Protein backbone atom coordinates (compact mmCIF):
# COMPACT_ATOMS: atom_id res chain seq x y z
CA MET A 1 0.00 0.00 0.00
CA ASP A 2 1.39 3.41 -0.96
CA GLU A 3 2.18 5.94 1.73
CA PRO A 4 0.20 9.18 1.61
CA ILE A 5 1.93 11.99 -0.27
CA ASP A 6 3.52 14.74 1.81
CA TYR A 7 2.49 17.81 -0.21
CA LYS A 8 5.25 20.02 1.18
CA LYS A 9 7.90 17.50 0.10
CA LEU A 10 6.19 17.18 -3.29
CA VAL A 11 6.31 20.95 -3.85
CA GLU A 12 9.93 21.02 -2.67
CA ALA A 13 10.79 18.23 -5.14
CA ALA A 14 9.06 20.05 -8.00
CA LEU A 15 11.03 23.23 -7.29
CA PHE A 16 14.26 21.25 -7.04
CA MET A 17 13.69 19.41 -10.33
CA SER A 18 12.67 22.47 -12.32
CA SER A 19 15.45 24.28 -14.14
CA ASN A 20 13.28 27.41 -14.35
CA ALA A 21 11.44 29.53 -11.82
CA MET A 22 7.91 28.19 -11.35
CA GLY A 23 4.67 30.02 -10.65
CA VAL A 24 1.87 28.60 -8.54
CA ASP A 25 0.03 27.39 -11.67
CA GLU A 26 3.12 25.52 -12.92
CA ILE A 27 3.66 23.95 -9.50
CA SER A 28 0.00 22.91 -9.54
CA LYS A 29 0.40 21.19 -12.91
CA ALA A 30 3.64 19.48 -11.88
CA THR A 31 2.35 18.20 -8.54
CA GLY A 32 -1.34 17.67 -9.18
CA ILE A 33 -2.25 19.89 -6.21
CA ALA A 34 -5.32 21.77 -7.41
CA SER A 35 -5.53 24.46 -4.72
CA PRO A 36 -3.46 27.57 -5.55
CA GLY A 37 -3.92 28.76 -1.97
CA LYS A 38 -2.47 25.53 -0.60
CA ILE A 39 0.52 25.73 -2.97
CA ASP A 40 1.11 29.38 -2.11
CA ALA A 41 1.08 28.58 1.63
CA ILE A 42 3.44 25.62 1.18
CA VAL A 43 5.89 27.63 -0.93
CA LYS A 44 5.95 30.49 1.57
CA GLU A 45 6.58 27.97 4.36
CA LEU A 46 9.43 26.39 2.37
CA VAL A 47 10.97 29.80 1.60
CA GLN A 48 10.98 30.59 5.32
CA GLU A 49 12.35 27.16 6.28
CA TYR A 50 15.27 27.49 3.88
CA ARG A 51 15.85 31.05 5.08
CA ASP A 52 16.01 29.81 8.70
CA ARG A 53 18.17 26.73 8.00
CA ASP A 54 21.93 26.85 8.15
CA THR A 55 22.35 25.58 4.59
CA ALA A 56 23.79 26.70 1.27
CA LEU A 57 20.39 26.29 -0.42
CA GLU A 58 17.56 28.77 -0.69
CA ILE A 59 14.27 29.18 -2.50
CA VAL A 60 14.19 32.54 -4.22
CA GLU A 61 11.04 34.44 -5.25
CA LEU A 62 11.30 36.18 -8.61
CA ASP A 63 8.15 38.08 -9.56
CA LYS A 64 5.75 35.56 -7.96
CA ARG A 65 7.79 32.65 -9.35
CA TYR A 66 10.03 30.44 -7.25
CA LEU A 67 13.42 28.89 -7.90
CA PHE A 68 15.82 26.67 -5.95
CA SER A 69 19.24 28.26 -5.80
CA LEU A 70 22.53 28.38 -3.93
CA LYS A 71 23.14 31.28 -1.59
CA SER A 72 25.55 33.69 -3.25
CA PRO A 73 28.77 33.12 -1.29
CA TYR A 74 28.51 29.37 -2.00
CA ALA A 75 27.39 29.67 -5.60
CA MET A 76 30.48 31.73 -6.42
CA LYS A 77 32.82 29.18 -4.84
CA VAL A 78 31.42 26.07 -6.55
CA SER A 79 30.18 27.43 -9.87
CA GLY A 80 33.00 25.64 -11.69
CA LEU A 81 31.49 22.31 -10.71
CA ALA A 82 28.31 23.05 -12.62
CA SER A 83 29.94 22.34 -15.97
CA GLY A 84 29.84 18.59 -15.28
CA PRO A 85 28.99 16.64 -18.42
CA ASP A 86 28.52 19.83 -20.44
CA LEU A 87 24.75 19.62 -20.18
CA SER A 88 22.34 22.37 -19.28
CA ARG A 89 20.94 22.35 -15.76
CA GLY A 90 17.50 21.48 -17.09
CA SER A 91 18.87 18.58 -19.16
CA LEU A 92 20.70 17.24 -16.12
CA ARG A 93 17.51 17.31 -14.08
CA VAL A 94 15.56 15.61 -16.87
CA LEU A 95 18.33 13.00 -17.20
CA ALA A 96 18.24 12.31 -13.45
CA TYR A 97 14.47 11.84 -13.64
CA ILE A 98 14.76 9.52 -16.66
CA SER A 99 17.42 7.42 -14.92
CA LYS A 100 15.07 6.86 -11.99
CA ASN A 101 12.10 6.11 -14.27
CA GLU A 102 13.59 3.97 -17.08
CA GLY A 103 11.06 3.19 -19.79
CA MET A 104 8.83 6.18 -19.21
CA THR A 105 7.35 7.90 -22.25
CA GLN A 106 8.33 11.27 -23.61
CA SER A 107 4.74 12.47 -23.26
CA GLU A 108 4.81 11.60 -19.52
CA LEU A 109 8.08 13.49 -19.21
CA ALA A 110 6.59 16.52 -21.00
CA LYS A 111 3.71 16.59 -18.49
CA ILE A 112 6.26 16.93 -15.69
CA PHE A 113 8.85 19.27 -17.25
CA GLY A 114 6.73 21.15 -19.78
CA ALA A 115 7.43 22.12 -23.37
CA ALA A 116 11.18 22.53 -22.73
CA THR A 117 11.30 18.72 -22.43
CA TYR A 118 11.70 18.40 -26.20
CA ASP A 119 14.79 20.67 -26.21
CA TYR A 120 16.28 18.76 -23.28
CA MET A 121 15.59 15.45 -25.01
CA ARG A 122 17.24 16.67 -28.21
CA GLU A 123 20.35 17.64 -26.21
CA LEU A 124 20.40 14.33 -24.30
CA THR A 125 19.93 12.30 -27.47
CA GLU A 126 22.61 14.22 -29.40
CA LYS A 127 25.07 13.63 -26.55
CA LYS A 128 24.01 9.97 -26.47
CA PHE A 129 22.93 9.88 -22.81
CA VAL A 130 19.43 8.65 -23.70
CA GLU A 131 17.86 6.60 -26.45
CA THR A 132 14.27 6.52 -27.56
CA GLU A 133 12.06 3.88 -29.11
CA LYS A 134 8.80 4.55 -30.91
CA TYR A 135 5.85 3.66 -28.68
CA LYS A 136 2.29 4.32 -29.86
CA ARG A 137 2.13 8.07 -30.56
CA THR A 138 5.13 8.92 -28.38
CA LYS A 139 8.53 7.45 -27.50
CA LYS A 140 9.80 5.32 -24.65
CA ILE A 141 12.99 6.68 -23.09
CA GLY A 142 15.93 4.88 -21.56
CA THR A 143 19.50 5.68 -20.61
CA THR A 144 22.41 4.45 -22.72
CA GLN A 145 25.60 2.59 -21.94
CA LYS A 146 27.41 5.93 -22.27
CA PHE A 147 25.21 7.31 -19.46
CA LYS A 148 26.00 4.32 -17.23
CA GLU A 149 29.74 4.65 -17.85
CA TYR A 150 29.89 8.45 -17.62
CA PHE A 151 27.94 8.63 -14.37
CA ASN A 152 29.35 5.33 -13.07
CA THR A 153 25.92 4.01 -12.13
CA GLY A 154 26.82 0.33 -12.24
CA GLN A 155 23.34 -0.46 -13.60
């Protein structure tokens, strides 16, 4: 039997996985939480929690949109690490999601990450980290051997 979903953790996960700032409506679509008031309250609570924590992470509000970020003194020190496999931040997040959900369809992925999914998929396919296979009116997605070797997953 599945455990009940913790909505605060779900909103936190959505903000973490998104490469772009998200508004309440986008968070609603990503999480399936229909109440904008509930999302707004959860986000404000998360912003305050990260503000109060002694951590390098923060949730920043940009014109009623929210984004996970590193606090500035830490971001400056570790920005060189972000280059990683020469993938955009959004592509890296999509790739992480795909690796945890092997065999998912591109249309399912697009529901989670939005229209930018197709750009991320193009980048991931060109760099041979994912492969696709025609499935009905969409594509099934899986990681490649190159992904397994590059990220040393041992899968």
